Amino acid sequence: MNPVDPTEKQLRQYGLMMAGVLSFFVAVFFYKAWHTAGMALAVWVLFFLTLALLAPLRLAPVYRAWMKFGEVVGNFNFKLILGLMYFVMFTPMRVLASFFREDPLTRKIEPEKETYWHDCEPRNQDPKRFERQF
């Protein structure tokens, strides 16, 4: 979806989706006996539902603002999740590798070695092996 110029169908879907999600919260609020909050949110449900059904193009400014907000939240979550994954997964692995002096990429320079080439097993030379690679 292009957030800059949404189509009428996209705006109608957006309005109906927002009305549906907010309706769920209205039901939860009434179940919890939070009637004031439920009524306030019900006004927003009616707003989105009415505009989605009668004039979806009027939802364009709200849609654009929502998409910009979603982009900001998404970028923040992206950086947060990747940062946590790096520090939770890769940092302990590196600490353990350093502790056991492991060098899986064989980066250590060894002057007594003539070459750093690793021999591999010869592969089957049959051309049929290229037909179904996956």
C-alpha atoms as a PDB file:
ATOM      1  CA  MET A   1       0.000   0.000   0.000  1.00  0.00           C
ATOM      2  CA  ASN A   2       1.193   3.447  -0.849  1.00  0.00           C
ATOM      3  CA  PRO A   3       0.636   5.689   2.212  1.00  0.00           C
ATOM      4  CA  VAL A   4       0.988   8.855   0.143  1.00  0.00           C
ATOM      5  CA  ASP A   5      -1.953   8.269  -2.205  1.00  0.00           C
ATOM      6  CA  PRO A   6      -4.325   5.563  -0.913  1.00  0.00           C
ATOM      7  CA  THR A   7      -7.143   4.319  -3.090  1.00  0.00           C
ATOM      8  CA  GLU A   8     -10.805   4.463  -2.106  1.00  0.00           C
ATOM      9  CA  LYS A   9     -10.806   0.710  -1.516  1.00  0.00           C
ATOM     10  CA  GLN A  10      -7.781   0.958   0.800  1.00  0.00           C
ATOM     11  CA  LEU A  11      -9.413   3.759   2.757  1.00  0.00           C
ATOM     12  CA  ARG A  12     -12.664   1.795   3.105  1.00  0.00           C
ATOM     13  CA  GLN A  13     -10.712  -1.250   4.339  1.00  0.00           C
ATOM     14  CA  TYR A  14      -8.784   0.956   6.761  1.00  0.00           C
ATOM     15  CA  GLY A  15     -11.971   2.498   8.165  1.00  0.00           C
ATOM     16  CA  LEU A  16     -13.686  -0.858   8.593  1.00  0.00           C
ATOM     17  CA  MET A  17     -10.592  -2.389  10.169  1.00  0.00           C
ATOM     18  CA  MET A  18     -10.256   0.480  12.657  1.00  0.00           C
ATOM     19  CA  ALA A  19     -13.966   0.249  13.500  1.00  0.00           C
ATOM     20  CA  GLY A  20     -13.625  -3.505  14.059  1.00  0.00           C
ATOM     21  CA  VAL A  21     -10.563  -3.278  16.278  1.00  0.00           C
ATOM     22  CA  LEU A  22     -11.995  -0.414  18.310  1.00  0.00           C
ATOM     23  CA  SER A  23     -15.283  -2.335  18.660  1.00  0.00           C
ATOM     24  CA  PHE A  24     -13.365  -5.126  20.346  1.00  0.00           C
ATOM     25  CA  PHE A  25     -11.996  -2.652  22.890  1.00  0.00           C
ATOM     26  CA  VAL A  26     -15.468  -1.164  23.400  1.00  0.00           C
ATOM     27  CA  ALA A  27     -16.749  -4.646  24.248  1.00  0.00           C
ATOM     28  CA  VAL A  28     -13.876  -5.191  26.682  1.00  0.00           C
ATOM     29  CA  PHE A  29     -14.514  -1.822  28.339  1.00  0.00           C
ATOM     30  CA  PHE A  30     -18.215  -2.585  28.790  1.00  0.00           C
ATOM     31  CA  TYR A  31     -17.372  -6.040  30.118  1.00  0.00           C
ATOM     32  CA  LYS A  32     -15.051  -4.448  32.694  1.00  0.00           C
ATOM     33  CA  ALA A  33     -17.821  -1.931  33.554  1.00  0.00           C
ATOM     34  CA  TRP A  34     -15.802   1.020  32.288  1.00  0.00           C
ATOM     35  CA  HIS A  35     -18.826   2.609  30.665  1.00  0.00           C
ATOM     36  CA  THR A  36     -17.385   6.103  30.211  1.00  0.00           C
ATOM     37  CA  ALA A  37     -14.333   4.837  28.342  1.00  0.00           C
ATOM     38  CA  GLY A  38     -16.522   2.455  26.341  1.00  0.00           C
ATOM     39  CA  MET A  39     -18.864   5.231  25.267  1.00  0.00           C
ATOM     40  CA  ALA A  40     -15.965   7.520  24.323  1.00  0.00           C
ATOM     41  CA  LEU A  41     -14.429   4.787  22.203  1.00  0.00           C
ATOM     42  CA  ALA A  42     -17.815   3.940  20.695  1.00  0.00           C
ATOM     43  CA  VAL A  43     -17.884   7.476  19.254  1.00  0.00           C
ATOM     44  CA  TRP A  44     -14.638   6.685  17.400  1.00  0.00           C
ATOM     45  CA  VAL A  45     -16.119   3.408  16.182  1.00  0.00           C
ATOM     46  CA  LEU A  46     -19.091   5.280  14.738  1.00  0.00           C
ATOM     47  CA  PHE A  47     -16.734   7.862  13.200  1.00  0.00           C
ATOM     48  CA  PHE A  48     -14.663   5.249  11.376  1.00  0.00           C
ATOM     49  CA  LEU A  49     -17.650   3.122  10.415  1.00  0.00           C
ATOM     50  CA  THR A  50     -19.636   6.058   9.019  1.00  0.00           C
ATOM     51  CA  LEU A  51     -16.744   7.457   7.002  1.00  0.00           C
ATOM     52  CA  ALA A  52     -15.707   4.016   5.737  1.00  0.00           C
ATOM     53  CA  LEU A  53     -19.178   3.288   4.420  1.00  0.00           C
ATOM     54  CA  LEU A  54     -20.282   6.737   3.213  1.00  0.00           C
ATOM     55  CA  ALA A  55     -17.184   8.819   2.391  1.00  0.00           C
ATOM     56  CA  PRO A  56     -13.942   6.805   2.529  1.00  0.00           C
ATOM     57  CA  LEU A  57     -11.915   9.559   0.820  1.00  0.00           C
ATOM     58  CA  ARG A  58     -12.417  11.725   3.916  1.00  0.00           C
ATOM     59  CA  LEU A  59     -10.302   9.202   5.852  1.00  0.00           C
ATOM     60  CA  ALA A  60      -7.186  10.021   3.811  1.00  0.00           C
ATOM     61  CA  PRO A  61      -5.612  12.500   6.310  1.00  0.00           C
ATOM     62  CA  VAL A  62      -6.244  10.126   9.234  1.00  0.00           C
ATOM     63  CA  TYR A  63      -4.840   7.227   7.207  1.00  0.00           C
ATOM     64  CA  ARG A  64      -1.678   9.149   6.283  1.00  0.00           C
ATOM     65  CA  ALA A  65      -1.075  10.192   9.905  1.00  0.00           C
ATOM     66  CA  TRP A  66      -1.635   6.611  11.081  1.00  0.00           C
ATOM     67  CA  MET A  67       0.825   5.257   8.500  1.00  0.00           C
ATOM     68  CA  LYS A  68       3.486   7.791   9.542  1.00  0.00           C
ATOM     69  CA  PHE A  69       2.955   6.831  13.180  1.00  0.00           C
ATOM     70  CA  GLY A  70       3.214   3.150  12.230  1.00  0.00           C
ATOM     71  CA  GLU A  71       6.454   3.798  10.369  1.00  0.00           C
ATOM     72  CA  VAL A  72       7.996   5.519  13.398  1.00  0.00           C
ATOM     73  CA  VAL A  73       6.914   2.717  15.742  1.00  0.00           C
ATOM     74  CA  GLY A  74       8.121   0.086  13.267  1.00  0.00           C
ATOM     75  CA  ASN A  75      11.564   1.671  12.926  1.00  0.00           C
ATOM     76  CA  PHE A  76      11.913   1.888  16.697  1.00  0.00           C
ATOM     77  CA  ASN A  77      10.865  -1.760  17.175  1.00  0.00           C
ATOM     78  CA  PHE A  78      13.177  -2.852  14.372  1.00  0.00           C
ATOM     79  CA  LYS A  79      16.193  -1.265  16.054  1.00  0.00           C
ATOM     80  CA  LEU A  80      15.177  -2.431  19.514  1.00  0.00           C
ATOM     81  CA  ILE A  81      14.570  -6.050  18.511  1.00  0.00           C
ATOM     82  CA  LEU A  82      17.757  -6.326  16.464  1.00  0.00           C
ATOM     83  CA  GLY A  83      19.786  -4.679  19.227  1.00  0.00           C
ATOM     84  CA  LEU A  84      18.416  -7.049  21.847  1.00  0.00           C
ATOM     85  CA  MET A  85      18.969 -10.043  19.585  1.00  0.00           C
ATOM     86  CA  TYR A  86      22.573  -8.977  19.021  1.00  0.00           C
ATOM     87  CA  PHE A  87      23.347  -8.562  22.704  1.00  0.00           C
ATOM     88  CA  VAL A  88      21.379 -11.601  23.889  1.00  0.00           C
ATOM     89  CA  MET A  89      22.560 -14.047  21.220  1.00  0.00           C
ATOM     90  CA  PHE A  90      25.781 -12.973  19.573  1.00  0.00           C
ATOM     91  CA  THR A  91      27.626 -11.360  22.481  1.00  0.00           C
ATOM     92  CA  PRO A  92      27.561 -14.492  24.699  1.00  0.00           C
ATOM     93  CA  MET A  93      28.602 -16.612  21.723  1.00  0.00           C
ATOM     94  CA  ARG A  94      31.594 -14.361  21.132  1.00  0.00           C
ATOM     95  CA  VAL A  95      32.528 -14.383  24.816  1.00  0.00           C
ATOM     96  CA  LEU A  96      32.428 -18.187  24.858  1.00  0.00           C
ATOM     97  CA  ALA A  97      34.451 -18.401  21.644  1.00  0.00           C
ATOM     98  CA  SER A  98      37.062 -16.064  23.112  1.00  0.00           C
ATOM     99  CA  PHE A  99      37.137 -18.061  26.331  1.00  0.00           C
ATOM    100  CA  PHE A 100      37.814 -21.312  24.464  1.00  0.00           C
ATOM    101  CA  ARG A 101      40.077 -19.513  21.950  1.00  0.00           C
ATOM    102  CA  GLU A 102      37.903 -20.663  19.078  1.00  0.00           C
ATOM    103  CA  ASP A 103      38.539 -19.203  15.611  1.00  0.00           C
ATOM    104  CA  PRO A 104      35.893 -20.656  13.261  1.00  0.00           C
ATOM    105  CA  LEU A 105      36.931 -18.438  10.352  1.00  0.00           C
ATOM    106  CA  THR A 106      40.631 -19.334  10.723  1.00  0.00           C
ATOM    107  CA  ARG A 107      41.660 -15.694  10.712  1.00  0.00           C
ATOM    108  CA  LYS A 108      44.810 -16.257  12.747  1.00  0.00           C
ATOM    109  CA  ILE A 109      47.971 -15.631  10.737  1.00  0.00           C
ATOM    110  CA  GLU A 110      50.379 -18.548  10.935  1.00  0.00           C
ATOM    111  CA  PRO A 111      53.746 -17.683   9.329  1.00  0.00           C
ATOM    112  CA  GLU A 112      54.863 -21.334   9.183  1.00  0.00           C
ATOM    113  CA  LYS A 113      51.970 -22.222   6.845  1.00  0.00           C
ATOM    114  CA  GLU A 114      52.731 -22.282   3.153  1.00  0.00           C
ATOM    115  CA  THR A 115      49.097 -21.712   2.130  1.00  0.00           C
ATOM    116  CA  TYR A 116      45.735 -21.142   3.758  1.00  0.00           C
ATOM    117  CA  TRP A 117      43.848 -23.119   1.118  1.00  0.00           C
ATOM    118  CA  HIS A 118      41.341 -25.703   2.377  1.00  0.00           C
ATOM    119  CA  ASP A 119      40.913 -28.720   0.140  1.00  0.00           C
ATOM    120  CA  CYS A 120      37.348 -29.840  -0.434  1.00  0.00           C
ATOM    121  CA  GLU A 121      35.898 -33.132  -1.544  1.00  0.00           C
ATOM    122  CA  PRO A 122      35.601 -33.498  -5.332  1.00  0.00           C
ATOM    123  CA  ARG A 123      31.997 -33.270  -6.480  1.00  0.00           C
ATOM    124  CA  ASN A 124      30.127 -35.430  -8.889  1.00  0.00           C
ATOM    125  CA  GLN A 125      30.813 -34.147 -12.439  1.00  0.00           C
ATOM    126  CA  ASP A 126      27.471 -35.315 -13.785  1.00  0.00           C
ATOM    127  CA  PRO A 127      25.674 -32.339 -15.475  1.00  0.00           C
ATOM    128  CA  LYS A 128      22.300 -33.661 -14.225  1.00  0.00           C
ATOM    129  CA  ARG A 129      23.125 -32.382 -10.726  1.00  0.00           C
ATOM    130  CA  PHE A 130      22.548 -28.822 -11.990  1.00  0.00           C
ATOM    131  CA  GLU A 131      18.954 -29.509 -13.080  1.00  0.00           C
ATOM    132  CA  ARG A 132      17.319 -29.697  -9.632  1.00  0.00           C
ATOM    133  CA  GLN A 133      19.492 -27.672  -7.296  1.00  0.00           C
ATOM    134  CA  PHE A 134      16.907 -27.255  -4.577  1.00  0.00           C
END
